[in-house]
C-alpha atoms as a PDB file:
ATOM      1  CA  UNK A   1     -40.830  -2.060  47.070  1.00  0.00           C
ATOM      2  CA  UNK A   2     -38.232  -3.076  44.502  1.00  0.00           C
ATOM      3  CA  UNK A   3     -38.827  -2.640  40.813  1.00  0.00           C
ATOM      4  CA  UNK A   4     -37.191  -4.843  38.288  1.00  0.00           C
ATOM      5  CA  UNK A   5     -35.046  -2.874  35.872  1.00  0.00           C
ATOM      6  CA  UNK A   6     -34.148  -4.068  32.420  1.00  0.00           C
ATOM      7  CA  UNK A   7     -30.490  -4.054  31.531  1.00  0.00           C
ATOM      8  CA  UNK A   8     -29.286  -1.542  28.928  1.00  0.00           C
ATOM      9  CA  UNK A   9     -28.406  -4.451  26.621  1.00  0.00           C
ATOM     10  CA  UNK A  10     -32.031  -5.534  26.499  1.00  0.00           C
ATOM     11  CA  UNK A  11     -33.010  -2.045  25.327  1.00  0.00           C
ATOM     12  CA  UNK A  12     -30.523  -2.277  22.479  1.00  0.00           C
ATOM     13  CA  UNK A  13     -31.847  -5.670  21.412  1.00  0.00           C
ATOM     14  CA  UNK A  14     -35.413  -4.378  21.574  1.00  0.00           C
ATOM     15  CA  UNK A  15     -34.476  -1.390  19.373  1.00  0.00           C
ATOM     16  CA  UNK A  16     -33.029  -3.736  16.730  1.00  0.00           C
ATOM     17  CA  UNK A  17     -36.472  -5.127  16.006  1.00  0.00           C
ATOM     18  CA  UNK A  18     -38.168  -1.705  15.952  1.00  0.00           C
ATOM     19  CA  UNK A  19     -36.455  -0.505  12.771  1.00  0.00           C
ATOM     20  CA  UNK A  20     -35.292  -3.377  10.557  1.00  0.00           C
ATOM     21  CA  UNK A  21     -34.081  -1.047   7.774  1.00  0.00           C
ATOM     22  CA  UNK A  22     -31.828   0.848  10.177  1.00  0.00           C
ATOM     23  CA  UNK A  23     -30.591  -2.444  11.616  1.00  0.00           C
ATOM     24  CA  UNK A  24     -29.733  -3.759   8.148  1.00  0.00           C
ATOM     25  CA  UNK A  25     -27.967  -0.494   7.243  1.00  0.00           C
ATOM     26  CA  UNK A  26     -25.924  -0.660  10.446  1.00  0.00           C
ATOM     27  CA  UNK A  27     -24.919  -4.265   9.779  1.00  0.00           C
ATOM     28  CA  UNK A  28     -23.920  -3.458   6.197  1.00  0.00           C
ATOM     29  CA  UNK A  29     -21.918  -0.406   7.265  1.00  0.00           C
ATOM     30  CA  UNK A  30     -20.125  -2.445   9.923  1.00  0.00           C
ATOM     31  CA  UNK A  31     -19.307  -5.137   7.356  1.00  0.00           C
ATOM     32  CA  UNK A  32     -17.972  -2.514   4.924  1.00  0.00           C
ATOM     33  CA  UNK A  33     -15.706  -1.007   7.575  1.00  0.00           C
ATOM     34  CA  UNK A  34     -14.413  -4.453   8.559  1.00  0.00           C
ATOM     35  CA  UNK A  35     -13.764  -5.272   4.881  1.00  0.00           C
ATOM     36  CA  UNK A  36     -11.912  -2.009   4.308  1.00  0.00           C
ATOM     37  CA  UNK A  37      -9.748  -2.631   7.359  1.00  0.00           C
ATOM     38  CA  UNK A  38      -8.877  -6.113   6.075  1.00  0.00           C
ATOM     39  CA  UNK A  39      -8.031  -4.805   2.590  1.00  0.00           C
ATOM     40  CA  UNK A  40      -5.908  -2.002   4.030  1.00  0.00           C
ATOM     41  CA  UNK A  41      -4.026  -4.412   6.274  1.00  0.00           C
ATOM     42  CA  UNK A  42      -3.359  -6.728   3.318  1.00  0.00           C
ATOM     43  CA  UNK A  43      -2.114  -3.796   1.218  1.00  0.00           C
ATOM     44  CA  UNK A  44       0.256  -2.597   3.932  1.00  0.00           C
ATOM     45  CA  UNK A  45       1.509  -6.151   4.466  1.00  0.00           C
ATOM     46  CA  UNK A  46       2.244  -6.584   0.749  1.00  0.00           C
ATOM     47  CA  UNK A  47       4.162  -3.304   0.667  1.00  0.00           C
ATOM     48  CA  UNK A  48       6.190  -4.404   3.669  1.00  0.00           C
ATOM     49  CA  UNK A  49       7.070  -7.701   2.008  1.00  0.00           C
ATOM     50  CA  UNK A  50       8.123  -5.855  -1.138  1.00  0.00           C
ATOM     51  CA  UNK A  51      10.670  -3.811   0.803  1.00  0.00           C
ATOM     52  CA  UNK A  52      12.123  -6.612   2.934  1.00  0.00           C
ATOM     53  CA  UNK A  53      13.901  -8.454   0.143  1.00  0.00           C
ATOM     54  CA  UNK A  54      17.566  -7.592  -0.365  1.00  0.00           C
ATOM     55  CA  UNK A  55      18.316  -5.104  -3.114  1.00  0.00           C
ATOM     56  CA  UNK A  56      20.030  -6.169  -6.300  1.00  0.00           C
ATOM     57  CA  UNK A  57      23.691  -5.254  -6.651  1.00  0.00           C
ATOM     58  CA  UNK A  58      23.234  -3.864 -10.152  1.00  0.00           C
ATOM     59  CA  UNK A  59      20.508  -1.321  -9.283  1.00  0.00           C
ATOM     60  CA  UNK A  60      21.124   2.140  -7.889  1.00  0.00           C
ATOM     61  CA  UNK A  61      18.619   4.667  -6.559  1.00  0.00           C
ATOM     62  CA  UNK A  62      19.427   8.376  -6.567  1.00  0.00           C
ATOM     63  CA  UNK A  63      17.372  10.343  -4.025  1.00  0.00           C
ATOM     64  CA  UNK A  64      17.347  14.006  -3.066  1.00  0.00           C
ATOM     65  CA  UNK A  65      18.224  15.255   0.411  1.00  0.00           C
ATOM     66  CA  UNK A  66      14.477  15.445   1.172  1.00  0.00           C
ATOM     67  CA  UNK A  67      14.390  11.632   1.126  1.00  0.00           C
ATOM     68  CA  UNK A  68      15.905  11.574   4.613  1.00  0.00           C
ATOM     69  CA  UNK A  69      12.551  12.710   5.969  1.00  0.00           C
ATOM     70  CA  UNK A  70      10.085  11.339   3.431  1.00  0.00           C
ATOM     71  CA  UNK A  71      10.787   9.315   0.285  1.00  0.00           C
ATOM     72  CA  UNK A  72       7.374  10.162  -1.155  1.00  0.00           C
ATOM     73  CA  UNK A  73       8.126  13.895  -1.262  1.00  0.00           C
ATOM     74  CA  UNK A  74      11.689  13.421  -2.457  1.00  0.00           C
ATOM     75  CA  UNK A  75      12.032  14.889  -5.924  1.00  0.00           C
ATOM     76  CA  UNK A  76      14.897  15.537  -8.288  1.00  0.00           C
ATOM     77  CA  UNK A  77      15.202  18.335 -10.815  1.00  0.00           C
ATOM     78  CA  UNK A  78      13.794  17.699 -14.270  1.00  0.00           C
ATOM     79  CA  UNK A  79      16.370  16.201 -16.595  1.00  0.00           C
ATOM     80  CA  UNK A  80      18.547  14.702 -13.850  1.00  0.00           C
ATOM     81  CA  UNK A  81      18.091  11.274 -15.447  1.00  0.00           C
ATOM     82  CA  UNK A  82      19.849  12.549 -18.587  1.00  0.00           C
ATOM     83  CA  UNK A  83      22.785  13.798 -16.482  1.00  0.00           C
ATOM     84  CA  UNK A  84      23.048  10.424 -14.751  1.00  0.00           C
ATOM     85  CA  UNK A  85      22.896   8.586 -18.064  1.00  0.00           C
ATOM     86  CA  UNK A  86      25.688  10.787 -19.431  1.00  0.00           C
ATOM     87  CA  UNK A  87      27.942  10.637 -16.343  1.00  0.00           C
ATOM     88  CA  UNK A  88      27.655   7.062 -15.071  1.00  0.00           C
ATOM     89  CA  UNK A  89      29.620   4.497 -17.030  1.00  0.00           C
ATOM     90  CA  UNK A  90      28.336   0.984 -17.567  1.00  0.00           C
ATOM     91  CA  UNK A  91      24.594   1.655 -17.422  1.00  0.00           C
ATOM     92  CA  UNK A  92      22.358  -0.968 -18.942  1.00  0.00           C
ATOM     93  CA  UNK A  93      20.564  -0.034 -22.143  1.00  0.00           C
ATOM     94  CA  UNK A  94      17.227  -1.106 -23.544  1.00  0.00           C
ATOM     95  CA  UNK A  95      16.865  -0.588 -27.314  1.00  0.00           C
ATOM     96  CA  UNK A  96      19.937   1.678 -27.191  1.00  0.00           C
ATOM     97  CA  UNK A  97      18.372   3.894 -24.493  1.00  0.00           C
ATOM     98  CA  UNK A  98      20.009   4.149 -21.056  1.00  0.00           C
ATOM     99  CA  UNK A  99      17.995   2.331 -18.385  1.00  0.00           C
ATOM    100  CA  UNK A 100      17.440   5.343 -16.132  1.00  0.00           C
ATOM    101  CA  UNK A 101      14.181   6.752 -14.847  1.00  0.00           C
ATOM    102  CA  UNK A 102      13.300   9.989 -13.031  1.00  0.00           C
ATOM    103  CA  UNK A 103      10.650   8.102 -11.056  1.00  0.00           C
ATOM    104  CA  UNK A 104      10.961   5.830  -8.055  1.00  0.00           C
ATOM    105  CA  UNK A 105       9.642   2.380  -8.907  1.00  0.00           C
ATOM    106  CA  UNK A 106       8.910  -0.477  -6.555  1.00  0.00           C
ATOM    107  CA  UNK A 107       9.966  -3.779  -8.018  1.00  0.00           C
ATOM    108  CA  UNK A 108       7.735  -6.616  -6.934  1.00  0.00           C
ATOM    109  CA  UNK A 109       8.275 -10.085  -8.341  1.00  0.00           C
ATOM    110  CA  UNK A 110       5.199 -11.376 -10.155  1.00  0.00           C
ATOM    111  CA  UNK A 111       4.706 -14.920 -11.426  1.00  0.00           C
ATOM    112  CA  UNK A 112       3.139 -15.399 -14.855  1.00  0.00           C
ATOM    113  CA  UNK A 113       1.263 -18.364 -16.312  1.00  0.00           C
ATOM    114  CA  UNK A 114       1.610 -20.382 -13.131  1.00  0.00           C
ATOM    115  CA  UNK A 115       5.391 -20.020 -13.062  1.00  0.00           C
ATOM    116  CA  UNK A 116       6.999 -18.797  -9.842  1.00  0.00           C
ATOM    117  CA  UNK A 117       8.316 -15.251  -9.657  1.00  0.00           C
ATOM    118  CA  UNK A 118      11.941 -14.657 -10.572  1.00  0.00           C
ATOM    119  CA  UNK A 119      13.926 -12.391  -8.259  1.00  0.00           C
END
């Protein structure tokens, strides 16, 4: 005598209708995870595009030896920007202040008022 067995998929579908609140929570959680993955992928893609453009000839970046392994943890001693401003000739100035910064900045071109970004 052979008994008919239901497939495991049919059990899962049957359980969906047993607890609608749990089903809705599962669907919402799945949608949130998918949304976070999409946002993360877009963020990583935008960072990658920001670093692929060629560097400007008139900009220099001074990094510590730790930057060979990890730029994020690369740090310079406090006041090194003042030494660079005093030692390097021809630095640009803004309001009579040397254009040096102790922080690493990522320059990303942004368009304003519908105008295209200027590189």
